[in-house]
Amino acid sequence: MNLTRTTEEQSSFCVVVNAEGQYSLWNSDLPIPSGWRETGMTGNKRACIDYVDQVWTDMRPASLRQRQ
């Protein structure tokens, strides 16, 4: 088994979102970067990816979505 994969599976991630409504996974052990906020979702990488797949249905930045 790949050491990186094993480490990722054991790591805890949180889902963060920025003002444009763009989502990202962030390692829970690190401080949240400026311009991003936590969504409340934490878990292993797979669970966080599944969450993002459910909630981020329109990949366009909010500024583009609001023009329509």
Protein backbone atom coordinates (compact mmCIF):
# COMPACT_ATOMS: atom_id res chain seq x y z
CA MET A 1 0.00 0.00 0.00
CA ASN A 2 1.13 3.51 -0.76
CA LEU A 3 2.26 5.41 2.36
CA THR A 4 0.68 8.65 1.12
CA ARG A 5 -2.67 6.94 0.56
CA THR A 6 -2.55 5.39 4.04
CA THR A 7 -1.75 8.77 5.59
CA GLU A 8 -4.61 10.46 3.68
CA GLU A 9 -7.07 7.78 4.78
CA GLN A 10 -6.10 8.31 8.41
CA SER A 11 -6.01 12.10 8.24
CA SER A 12 -8.92 14.31 9.19
CA PHE A 13 -10.07 16.95 6.74
CA CYS A 14 -12.56 19.78 6.86
CA VAL A 15 -14.48 21.30 3.99
CA VAL A 16 -13.96 25.03 3.54
CA VAL A 17 -15.69 27.53 1.27
CA ASN A 18 -14.69 31.00 0.07
CA ALA A 19 -16.76 34.11 -0.71
CA GLU A 20 -17.19 32.94 -4.32
CA GLY A 21 -18.82 29.72 -3.13
CA GLN A 22 -15.86 27.57 -4.17
CA TYR A 23 -15.21 24.53 -1.97
CA SER A 24 -11.96 22.88 -0.94
CA LEU A 25 -10.67 20.23 1.45
CA TRP A 26 -8.28 21.36 4.14
CA ASN A 27 -6.26 19.34 6.61
CA SER A 28 -7.95 19.70 10.01
CA ASP A 29 -4.59 20.09 11.74
CA LEU A 30 -3.82 23.32 9.87
CA PRO A 31 -5.28 26.81 10.41
CA ILE A 32 -7.95 27.83 7.91
CA PRO A 33 -6.45 30.19 5.31
CA SER A 34 -7.58 33.78 5.04
CA GLY A 35 -10.63 34.20 2.84
CA TRP A 36 -12.01 30.74 3.61
CA ARG A 37 -14.47 29.56 6.27
CA GLU A 38 -15.38 26.15 7.62
CA THR A 39 -18.64 24.57 6.47
CA GLY A 40 -18.95 22.31 9.51
CA MET A 41 -18.13 19.14 7.57
CA THR A 42 -15.15 17.19 8.87
CA GLY A 43 -14.10 13.61 8.27
CA ASN A 44 -11.82 11.45 6.19
CA LYS A 45 -10.94 12.52 2.67
CA ARG A 46 -13.59 10.34 0.97
CA ALA A 47 -16.41 11.62 3.20
CA CYS A 48 -15.40 15.24 2.56
CA ILE A 49 -15.20 14.70 -1.20
CA ASP A 50 -18.66 13.11 -1.15
CA TYR A 51 -20.00 16.13 0.76
CA VAL A 52 -18.50 18.58 -1.74
CA ASP A 53 -19.99 16.56 -4.61
CA GLN A 54 -23.44 16.95 -3.02
CA VAL A 55 -23.33 20.65 -2.20
CA TRP A 56 -21.19 22.18 -4.97
CA THR A 57 -23.48 21.65 -7.92
CA ASP A 58 -22.55 24.78 -9.90
CA MET A 59 -18.81 25.22 -10.35
CA ARG A 60 -19.07 28.83 -11.50
CA PRO A 61 -17.90 31.47 -9.01
CA ALA A 62 -20.75 33.29 -7.24
CA SER A 63 -19.91 36.52 -9.09
CA LEU A 64 -20.70 34.81 -12.41
CA ARG A 65 -23.85 33.08 -11.13
CA GLN A 66 -25.23 36.40 -9.86
CA ARG A 67 -24.94 38.06 -13.30
CA GLN A 68 -27.70 35.89 -14.73
